[in-house]
Amino acid sequence: MTESNNPIFQDGANSLSTGDEHSDSPCIGVCTTLYDEICQGCGRTLGEVSNWVFFSQEEKDLVWKRIRADGTAMRFQRQAKNSKSVDA
């Protein structure tokens, strides 16, 4: 098996598990709203999650900007944790 075909060696682009910066969708596969309208995994509203495939790139960019600024979703907590472990 070559590196490109081996999931262990893939760079994680567009991966739900890595929460990478290059995904079209902020989804990390952890979908929960816990008493409000915001997904704890990605930081989007239920309406944004439901309509994501219909959003223009400009609309998606605005959502990305908002959820990055908020930074409380698990997606961003994972990225911060991964960055710290790489820096150590």
PDB file of N, CA and C in Angstrom:
ATOM      1  N   MET A   1       0.855  -1.186   0.000  1.00  0.00           N
ATOM      2  CA  MET A   1       0.000   0.000   0.000  1.00  0.00           C
ATOM      3  C   MET A   1       0.895   1.242   0.000  1.00  0.00           C
ATOM      4  N   THR A   2       0.617   2.181  -0.877  1.00  0.00           N
ATOM      5  CA  THR A   2       1.414   3.404  -0.935  1.00  0.00           C
ATOM      6  C   THR A   2       0.943   4.391   0.108  1.00  0.00           C
ATOM      7  N   GLU A   3       1.790   5.417   0.377  1.00  0.00           N
ATOM      8  CA  GLU A   3       1.414   6.426   1.359  1.00  0.00           C
ATOM      9  C   GLU A   3       0.115   7.124   0.994  1.00  0.00           C
ATOM     10  N   SER A   4      -0.106   7.435  -0.287  1.00  0.00           N
ATOM     11  CA  SER A   4      -1.308   8.163  -0.686  1.00  0.00           C
ATOM     12  C   SER A   4      -2.576   7.335  -0.511  1.00  0.00           C
ATOM     13  N   ASN A   5      -2.453   6.000  -0.519  1.00  0.00           N
ATOM     14  CA  ASN A   5      -3.617   5.136  -0.345  1.00  0.00           C
ATOM     15  C   ASN A   5      -3.815   4.703   1.107  1.00  0.00           C
ATOM     16  N   ASN A   6      -2.831   4.948   1.940  1.00  0.00           N
ATOM     17  CA  ASN A   6      -2.891   4.527   3.326  1.00  0.00           C
ATOM     18  C   ASN A   6      -3.480   5.648   4.172  1.00  0.00           C
ATOM     19  N   PRO A   7      -4.635   5.417   4.830  1.00  0.00           N
ATOM     20  CA  PRO A   7      -5.280   6.476   5.602  1.00  0.00           C
ATOM     21  C   PRO A   7      -4.410   7.023   6.729  1.00  0.00           C
ATOM     22  N   ILE A   8      -3.452   6.240   7.210  1.00  0.00           N
ATOM     23  CA  ILE A   8      -2.579   6.716   8.268  1.00  0.00           C
ATOM     24  C   ILE A   8      -1.696   7.859   7.766  1.00  0.00           C
ATOM     25  N   PHE A   9      -1.332   7.844   6.479  1.00  0.00           N
ATOM     26  CA  PHE A   9      -0.428   8.834   5.931  1.00  0.00           C
ATOM     27  C   PHE A   9      -1.111   9.970   5.186  1.00  0.00           C
ATOM     28  N   GLN A  10      -2.435   9.957   5.094  1.00  0.00           N
ATOM     29  CA  GLN A  10      -3.118  11.033   4.391  1.00  0.00           C
ATOM     30  C   GLN A  10      -3.014  12.321   5.174  1.00  0.00           C
ATOM     31  N   ASP A  11      -3.035  13.459   4.488  1.00  0.00           N
ATOM     32  CA  ASP A  11      -2.831  14.751   5.140  1.00  0.00           C
ATOM     33  C   ASP A  11      -4.050  15.263   5.888  1.00  0.00           C
ATOM     34  N   GLY A  12      -5.195  14.619   5.768  1.00  0.00           N
ATOM     35  CA  GLY A  12      -6.378  15.014   6.513  1.00  0.00           C
ATOM     36  C   GLY A  12      -7.204  16.092   5.846  1.00  0.00           C
ATOM     37  N   ALA A  13      -6.869  16.501   4.646  1.00  0.00           N
ATOM     38  CA  ALA A  13      -7.644  17.530   3.960  1.00  0.00           C
ATOM     39  C   ALA A  13      -9.093  17.091   3.854  1.00  0.00           C
ATOM     40  N   ASN A  14      -9.984  17.976   4.222  1.00  0.00           N
ATOM     41  CA  ASN A  14     -11.422  17.725   4.198  1.00  0.00           C
ATOM     42  C   ASN A  14     -11.842  16.584   5.104  1.00  0.00           C
ATOM     43  N   SER A  15     -11.106  16.361   6.158  1.00  0.00           N
ATOM     44  CA  SER A  15     -11.410  15.278   7.072  1.00  0.00           C
ATOM     45  C   SER A  15     -12.289  15.753   8.215  1.00  0.00           C
ATOM     46  N   LEU A  16     -13.285  14.967   8.550  1.00  0.00           N
ATOM     47  CA  LEU A  16     -14.129  15.290   9.697  1.00  0.00           C
ATOM     48  C   LEU A  16     -13.338  15.160  10.992  1.00  0.00           C
ATOM     49  N   SER A  17     -12.407  14.231  11.034  1.00  0.00           N
ATOM     50  CA  SER A  17     -11.723  13.956  12.297  1.00  0.00           C
ATOM     51  C   SER A  17     -10.678  15.002  12.656  1.00  0.00           C
ATOM     52  N   THR A  18     -10.136  15.690  11.681  1.00  0.00           N
ATOM     53  CA  THR A  18      -9.061  16.624  11.997  1.00  0.00           C
ATOM     54  C   THR A  18      -9.528  18.048  12.207  1.00  0.00           C
ATOM     55  N   GLY A  19     -10.707  18.399  11.712  1.00  0.00           N
ATOM     56  CA  GLY A  19     -11.148  19.777  11.865  1.00  0.00           C
ATOM     57  C   GLY A  19     -10.227  20.728  11.138  1.00  0.00           C
ATOM     58  N   ASP A  20      -9.769  20.341   9.958  1.00  0.00           N
ATOM     59  CA  ASP A  20      -8.782  21.124   9.227  1.00  0.00           C
ATOM     60  C   ASP A  20      -9.350  22.443   8.718  1.00  0.00           C
ATOM     61  N   GLU A  21      -8.481  23.321   8.302  1.00  0.00           N
ATOM     62  CA  GLU A  21      -8.851  24.650   7.822  1.00  0.00           C
ATOM     63  C   GLU A  21      -9.306  24.656   6.365  1.00  0.00           C
ATOM     64  N   HIS A  22      -9.145  23.550   5.653  1.00  0.00           N
ATOM     65  CA  HIS A  22      -9.402  23.543   4.219  1.00  0.00           C
ATOM     66  C   HIS A  22     -10.732  22.894   3.837  1.00  0.00           C
ATOM     67  N   SER A  23     -11.501  22.454   4.794  1.00  0.00           N
ATOM     68  CA  SER A  23     -12.789  21.837   4.514  1.00  0.00           C
ATOM     69  C   SER A  23     -13.787  22.868   4.033  1.00  0.00           C
ATOM     70  N   ASP A  24     -14.682  22.447   3.159  1.00  0.00           N
ATOM     71  CA  ASP A  24     -15.784  23.308   2.749  1.00  0.00           C
ATOM     72  C   ASP A  24     -16.729  23.513   3.924  1.00  0.00           C
ATOM     73  N   SER A  25     -16.983  22.452   4.656  1.00  0.00           N
ATOM     74  CA  SER A  25     -17.935  22.478   5.766  1.00  0.00           C
ATOM     75  C   SER A  25     -17.199  22.455   7.100  1.00  0.00           C
ATOM     76  N   PRO A  26     -17.696  23.184   8.086  1.00  0.00           N
ATOM     77  CA  PRO A  26     -17.094  23.147   9.423  1.00  0.00           C
ATOM     78  C   PRO A  26     -17.395  21.863  10.194  1.00  0.00           C
ATOM     79  N   CYS A  27     -18.244  20.998   9.650  1.00  0.00           N
ATOM     80  CA  CYS A  27     -18.670  19.794  10.354  1.00  0.00           C
ATOM     81  C   CYS A  27     -17.479  18.912  10.710  1.00  0.00           C
ATOM     82  N   ILE A  28     -17.490  18.415  11.960  1.00  0.00           N
ATOM     83  CA  ILE A  28     -16.485  17.443  12.389  1.00  0.00           C
ATOM     84  C   ILE A  28     -17.147  16.132  12.795  1.00  0.00           C
ATOM     85  N   GLY A  29     -18.443  15.994  12.490  1.00  0.00           N
ATOM     86  CA  GLY A  29     -19.158  14.756  12.780  1.00  0.00           C
ATOM     87  C   GLY A  29     -19.577  14.610  14.231  1.00  0.00           C
ATOM     88  N   VAL A  30     -19.548  15.687  14.989  1.00  0.00           N
ATOM     89  CA  VAL A  30     -20.000  15.690  16.377  1.00  0.00           C
ATOM     90  C   VAL A  30     -21.177  16.655  16.423  1.00  0.00           C
ATOM     91  N   CYS A  31     -22.364  16.139  16.187  1.00  0.00           N
ATOM     92  CA  CYS A  31     -23.545  16.995  16.038  1.00  0.00           C
ATOM     93  C   CYS A  31     -24.376  16.975  17.305  1.00  0.00           C
ATOM     94  N   THR A  32     -24.360  18.066  18.024  1.00  0.00           N
ATOM     95  CA  THR A  32     -25.154  18.184  19.241  1.00  0.00           C
ATOM     96  C   THR A  32     -25.469  19.655  19.496  1.00  0.00           C
ATOM     97  N   THR A  33     -26.680  19.906  19.974  1.00  0.00           N
ATOM     98  CA  THR A  33     -27.072  21.292  20.225  1.00  0.00           C
ATOM     99  C   THR A  33     -27.309  21.600  21.695  1.00  0.00           C
ATOM    100  N   LEU A  34     -27.424  20.622  22.549  1.00  0.00           N
ATOM    101  CA  LEU A  34     -27.545  20.835  23.994  1.00  0.00           C
ATOM    102  C   LEU A  34     -28.313  22.086  24.405  1.00  0.00           C
ATOM    103  N   TYR A  35     -29.591  22.075  24.196  1.00  0.00           N
ATOM    104  CA  TYR A  35     -30.502  23.106  24.689  1.00  0.00           C
ATOM    105  C   TYR A  35     -30.483  24.438  23.947  1.00  0.00           C
ATOM    106  N   ASP A  36     -29.769  24.566  22.872  1.00  0.00           N
ATOM    107  CA  ASP A  36     -29.822  25.805  22.106  1.00  0.00           C
ATOM    108  C   ASP A  36     -29.788  25.495  20.616  1.00  0.00           C
ATOM    109  N   GLU A  37     -29.662  26.491  19.811  1.00  0.00           N
ATOM    110  CA  GLU A  37     -29.716  26.339  18.355  1.00  0.00           C
ATOM    111  C   GLU A  37     -28.328  26.231  17.720  1.00  0.00           C
ATOM    112  N   ILE A  38     -27.285  26.138  18.518  1.00  0.00           N
ATOM    113  CA  ILE A  38     -25.920  26.115  17.991  1.00  0.00           C
ATOM    114  C   ILE A  38     -25.312  24.726  18.168  1.00  0.00           C
ATOM    115  N   CYS A  39     -24.761  24.177  17.090  1.00  0.00           N
ATOM    116  CA  CYS A  39     -24.095  22.883  17.162  1.00  0.00           C
ATOM    117  C   CYS A  39     -22.796  23.041  17.948  1.00  0.00           C
ATOM    118  N   GLN A  40     -22.596  22.202  18.948  1.00  0.00           N
ATOM    119  CA  GLN A  40     -21.396  22.260  19.779  1.00  0.00           C
ATOM    120  C   GLN A  40     -20.154  21.763  19.024  1.00  0.00           C
ATOM    121  N   GLY A  41     -20.359  20.962  17.980  1.00  0.00           N
ATOM    122  CA  GLY A  41     -19.236  20.442  17.199  1.00  0.00           C
ATOM    123  C   GLY A  41     -18.649  21.464  16.259  1.00  0.00           C
ATOM    124  N   CYS A  42     -19.523  22.159  15.507  1.00  0.00           N
ATOM    125  CA  CYS A  42     -19.026  23.066  14.465  1.00  0.00           C
ATOM    126  C   CYS A  42     -19.317  24.540  14.720  1.00  0.00           C
ATOM    127  N   GLY A  43     -20.267  24.843  15.586  1.00  0.00           N
ATOM    128  CA  GLY A  43     -20.573  26.239  15.890  1.00  0.00           C
ATOM    129  C   GLY A  43     -21.627  26.874  15.011  1.00  0.00           C
ATOM    130  N   ARG A  44     -22.200  26.097  14.076  1.00  0.00           N
ATOM    131  CA  ARG A  44     -23.231  26.658  13.199  1.00  0.00           C
ATOM    132  C   ARG A  44     -24.607  26.518  13.823  1.00  0.00           C
ATOM    133  N   THR A  45     -25.527  27.364  13.366  1.00  0.00           N
ATOM    134  CA  THR A  45     -26.917  27.241  13.783  1.00  0.00           C
ATOM    135  C   THR A  45     -27.537  26.052  13.065  1.00  0.00           C
ATOM    136  N   LEU A  46     -28.670  25.598  13.561  1.00  0.00           N
ATOM    137  CA  LEU A  46     -29.361  24.488  12.899  1.00  0.00           C
ATOM    138  C   LEU A  46     -29.730  24.850  11.462  1.00  0.00           C
ATOM    139  N   GLY A  47     -30.148  26.093  11.234  1.00  0.00           N
ATOM    140  CA  GLY A  47     -30.471  26.543   9.880  1.00  0.00           C
ATOM    141  C   GLY A  47     -29.264  26.534   8.962  1.00  0.00           C
ATOM    142  N   GLU A  48     -28.110  26.917   9.495  1.00  0.00           N
ATOM    143  CA  GLU A  48     -26.878  26.901   8.690  1.00  0.00           C
ATOM    144  C   GLU A  48     -26.476  25.475   8.347  1.00  0.00           C
ATOM    145  N   VAL A  49     -26.600  24.576   9.296  1.00  0.00           N
ATOM    146  CA  VAL A  49     -26.274  23.170   9.042  1.00  0.00           C
ATOM    147  C   VAL A  49     -27.208  22.604   7.976  1.00  0.00           C
ATOM    148  N   SER A  50     -28.503  22.852   8.143  1.00  0.00           N
ATOM    149  CA  SER A  50     -29.513  22.305   7.228  1.00  0.00           C
ATOM    150  C   SER A  50     -29.390  22.847   5.814  1.00  0.00           C
ATOM    151  N   ASN A  51     -28.993  24.090   5.681  1.00  0.00           N
ATOM    152  CA  ASN A  51     -28.962  24.739   4.369  1.00  0.00           C
ATOM    153  C   ASN A  51     -27.570  24.914   3.783  1.00  0.00           C
ATOM    154  N   TRP A  52     -26.555  24.353   4.416  1.00  0.00           N
ATOM    155  CA  TRP A  52     -25.162  24.574   4.005  1.00  0.00           C
ATOM    156  C   TRP A  52     -24.947  24.294   2.514  1.00  0.00           C
ATOM    157  N   VAL A  53     -25.492  23.218   2.012  1.00  0.00           N
ATOM    158  CA  VAL A  53     -25.268  22.845   0.614  1.00  0.00           C
ATOM    159  C   VAL A  53     -25.887  23.850  -0.362  1.00  0.00           C
ATOM    160  N   PHE A  54     -26.818  24.672   0.112  1.00  0.00           N
ATOM    161  CA  PHE A  54     -27.462  25.667  -0.740  1.00  0.00           C
ATOM    162  C   PHE A  54     -26.825  27.047  -0.617  1.00  0.00           C
ATOM    163  N   PHE A  55     -25.923  27.231   0.346  1.00  0.00           N
ATOM    164  CA  PHE A  55     -25.292  28.536   0.566  1.00  0.00           C
ATOM    165  C   PHE A  55     -24.321  28.870  -0.557  1.00  0.00           C
ATOM    166  N   SER A  56     -24.245  30.145  -0.872  1.00  0.00           N
ATOM    167  CA  SER A  56     -23.215  30.625  -1.797  1.00  0.00           C
ATOM    168  C   SER A  56     -21.876  30.612  -1.061  1.00  0.00           C
ATOM    169  N   GLN A  57     -20.795  30.734  -1.788  1.00  0.00           N
ATOM    170  CA  GLN A  57     -19.473  30.775  -1.145  1.00  0.00           C
ATOM    171  C   GLN A  57     -19.374  31.974  -0.208  1.00  0.00           C
ATOM    172  N   GLU A  58     -19.969  33.085  -0.577  1.00  0.00           N
ATOM    173  CA  GLU A  58     -19.956  34.279   0.279  1.00  0.00           C
ATOM    174  C   GLU A  58     -20.683  34.009   1.607  1.00  0.00           C
ATOM    175  N   GLU A  59     -21.817  33.329   1.543  1.00  0.00           N
ATOM    176  CA  GLU A  59     -22.558  32.995   2.765  1.00  0.00           C
ATOM    177  C   GLU A  59     -21.750  32.044   3.640  1.00  0.00           C
ATOM    178  N   LYS A  60     -21.114  31.049   3.013  1.00  0.00           N
ATOM    179  CA  LYS A  60     -20.279  30.118   3.766  1.00  0.00           C
ATOM    180  C   LYS A  60     -19.116  30.857   4.430  1.00  0.00           C
ATOM    181  N   ASP A  61     -18.497  31.763   3.690  1.00  0.00           N
ATOM    182  CA  ASP A  61     -17.370  32.527   4.237  1.00  0.00           C
ATOM    183  C   ASP A  61     -17.782  33.346   5.451  1.00  0.00           C
ATOM    184  N   LEU A  62     -18.987  33.912   5.417  1.00  0.00           N
ATOM    185  CA  LEU A  62     -19.482  34.692   6.567  1.00  0.00           C
ATOM    186  C   LEU A  62     -19.685  33.797   7.794  1.00  0.00           C
ATOM    187  N   VAL A  63     -20.216  32.597   7.563  1.00  0.00           N
ATOM    188  CA  VAL A  63     -20.404  31.662   8.673  1.00  0.00           C
ATOM    189  C   VAL A  63     -19.048  31.254   9.243  1.00  0.00           C
ATOM    190  N   TRP A  64     -18.110  30.898   8.357  1.00  0.00           N
ATOM    191  CA  TRP A  64     -16.760  30.531   8.805  1.00  0.00           C
ATOM    192  C   TRP A  64     -16.147  31.665   9.635  1.00  0.00           C
ATOM    193  N   LYS A  65     -16.290  32.886   9.166  1.00  0.00           N
ATOM    194  CA  LYS A  65     -15.724  34.037   9.878  1.00  0.00           C
ATOM    195  C   LYS A  65     -16.319  34.140  11.283  1.00  0.00           C
ATOM    196  N   ARG A  66     -17.633  33.983  11.386  1.00  0.00           N
ATOM    197  CA  ARG A  66     -18.308  34.088  12.680  1.00  0.00           C
ATOM    198  C   ARG A  66     -17.890  32.978  13.629  1.00  0.00           C
ATOM    199  N   ILE A  67     -17.873  31.739  13.148  1.00  0.00           N
ATOM    200  CA  ILE A  67     -17.556  30.636  14.058  1.00  0.00           C
ATOM    201  C   ILE A  67     -16.074  30.642  14.453  1.00  0.00           C
ATOM    202  N   ARG A  68     -15.199  31.117  13.571  1.00  0.00           N
ATOM    203  CA  ARG A  68     -13.781  31.257  13.945  1.00  0.00           C
ATOM    204  C   ARG A  68     -13.618  32.337  15.007  1.00  0.00           C
ATOM    205  N   ALA A  69     -14.325  33.449  14.841  1.00  0.00           N
ATOM    206  CA  ALA A  69     -14.239  34.542  15.814  1.00  0.00           C
ATOM    207  C   ALA A  69     -14.757  34.082  17.173  1.00  0.00           C
ATOM    208  N   ASP A  70     -15.825  33.301  17.176  1.00  0.00           N
ATOM    209  CA  ASP A  70     -16.371  32.783  18.428  1.00  0.00           C
ATOM    210  C   ASP A  70     -15.413  31.757  19.038  1.00  0.00           C
ATOM    211  N   GLY A  71     -14.956  30.812  18.228  1.00  0.00           N
ATOM    212  CA  GLY A  71     -13.933  29.850  18.635  1.00  0.00           C
ATOM    213  C   GLY A  71     -14.301  28.870  19.728  1.00  0.00           C
ATOM    214  N   THR A  72     -15.579  28.745  20.071  1.00  0.00           N
ATOM    215  CA  THR A  72     -15.954  27.859  21.172  1.00  0.00           C
ATOM    216  C   THR A  72     -16.345  26.457  20.729  1.00  0.00           C
ATOM    217  N   ALA A  73     -16.572  26.247  19.453  1.00  0.00           N
ATOM    218  CA  ALA A  73     -16.972  24.924  18.959  1.00  0.00           C
ATOM    219  C   ALA A  73     -15.835  23.920  19.141  1.00  0.00           C
ATOM    220  N   MET A  74     -16.194  22.649  19.285  1.00  0.00           N
ATOM    221  CA  MET A  74     -15.200  21.581  19.437  1.00  0.00           C
ATOM    222  C   MET A  74     -14.181  21.598  18.304  1.00  0.00           C
ATOM    223  N   ARG A  75     -14.620  21.976  17.114  1.00  0.00           N
ATOM    224  CA  ARG A  75     -13.723  22.055  15.955  1.00  0.00           C
ATOM    225  C   ARG A  75     -12.494  22.883  16.294  1.00  0.00           C
ATOM    226  N   PHE A  76     -12.685  24.012  16.930  1.00  0.00           N
ATOM    227  CA  PHE A  76     -11.585  24.921  17.209  1.00  0.00           C
ATOM    228  C   PHE A  76     -10.814  24.511  18.455  1.00  0.00           C
ATOM    229  N   GLN A  77     -11.468  23.849  19.379  1.00  0.00           N
ATOM    230  CA  GLN A  77     -10.773  23.330  20.556  1.00  0.00           C
ATOM    231  C   GLN A  77      -9.815  22.223  20.143  1.00  0.00           C
ATOM    232  N   ARG A  78     -10.247  21.383  19.190  1.00  0.00           N
ATOM    233  CA  ARG A  78      -9.374  20.316  18.669  1.00  0.00           C
ATOM    234  C   ARG A  78      -8.167  20.911  17.963  1.00  0.00           C
ATOM    235  N   GLN A  79      -8.396  21.944  17.162  1.00  0.00           N
ATOM    236  CA  GLN A  79      -7.290  22.558  16.433  1.00  0.00           C
ATOM    237  C   GLN A  79      -6.285  23.171  17.397  1.00  0.00           C
ATOM    238  N   ALA A  80      -6.769  23.831  18.440  1.00  0.00           N
ATOM    239  CA  ALA A  80      -5.879  24.440  19.418  1.00  0.00           C
ATOM    240  C   ALA A  80      -5.061  23.355  20.135  1.00  0.00           C
ATOM    241  N   LYS A  81      -5.726  22.265  20.487  1.00  0.00           N
ATOM    242  CA  LYS A  81      -5.042  21.160  21.166  1.00  0.00           C
ATOM    243  C   LYS A  81      -3.991  20.553  20.252  1.00  0.00           C
ATOM    244  N   ASN A  82      -4.334  20.336  18.972  1.00  0.00           N
ATOM    245  CA  ASN A  82      -3.390  19.767  18.020  1.00  0.00           C
ATOM    246  C   ASN A  82      -2.215  20.689  17.788  1.00  0.00           C
ATOM    247  N   SER A  83      -2.450  21.987  17.757  1.00  0.00           N
ATOM    248  CA  SER A  83      -1.374  22.961  17.552  1.00  0.00           C
ATOM    249  C   SER A  83      -0.411  22.948  18.731  1.00  0.00           C
ATOM    250  N   LYS A  84      -0.939  22.842  19.939  1.00  0.00           N
ATOM    251  CA  LYS A  84      -0.091  22.813  21.135  1.00  0.00           C
ATOM    252  C   LYS A  84       0.773  21.568  21.158  1.00  0.00           C
ATOM    253  N   SER A  85       0.208  20.419  20.758  1.00  0.00           N
ATOM    254  CA  SER A  85       0.978  19.180  20.788  1.00  0.00           C
ATOM    255  C   SER A  85       2.070  19.174  19.720  1.00  0.00           C
ATOM    256  N   VAL A  86       1.837  19.858  18.604  1.00  0.00           N
ATOM    257  CA  VAL A  86       2.837  19.956  17.539  1.00  0.00           C
ATOM    258  C   VAL A  86       3.965  20.894  17.974  1.00  0.00           C
ATOM    259  N   ASP A  87       3.623  21.960  18.684  1.00  0.00           N
ATOM    260  CA  ASP A  87       4.613  22.939  19.137  1.00  0.00           C
ATOM    261  C   ASP A  87       5.491  22.398  20.252  1.00  0.00           C
ATOM    262  N   ALA A  88       4.983  21.439  20.997  1.00  0.00           N
ATOM    263  CA  ALA A  88       5.730  20.918  22.163  1.00  0.00           C
ATOM    264  C   ALA A  88       6.917  20.092  21.762  1.00  0.00           C
TER     265      ALA A  88
END
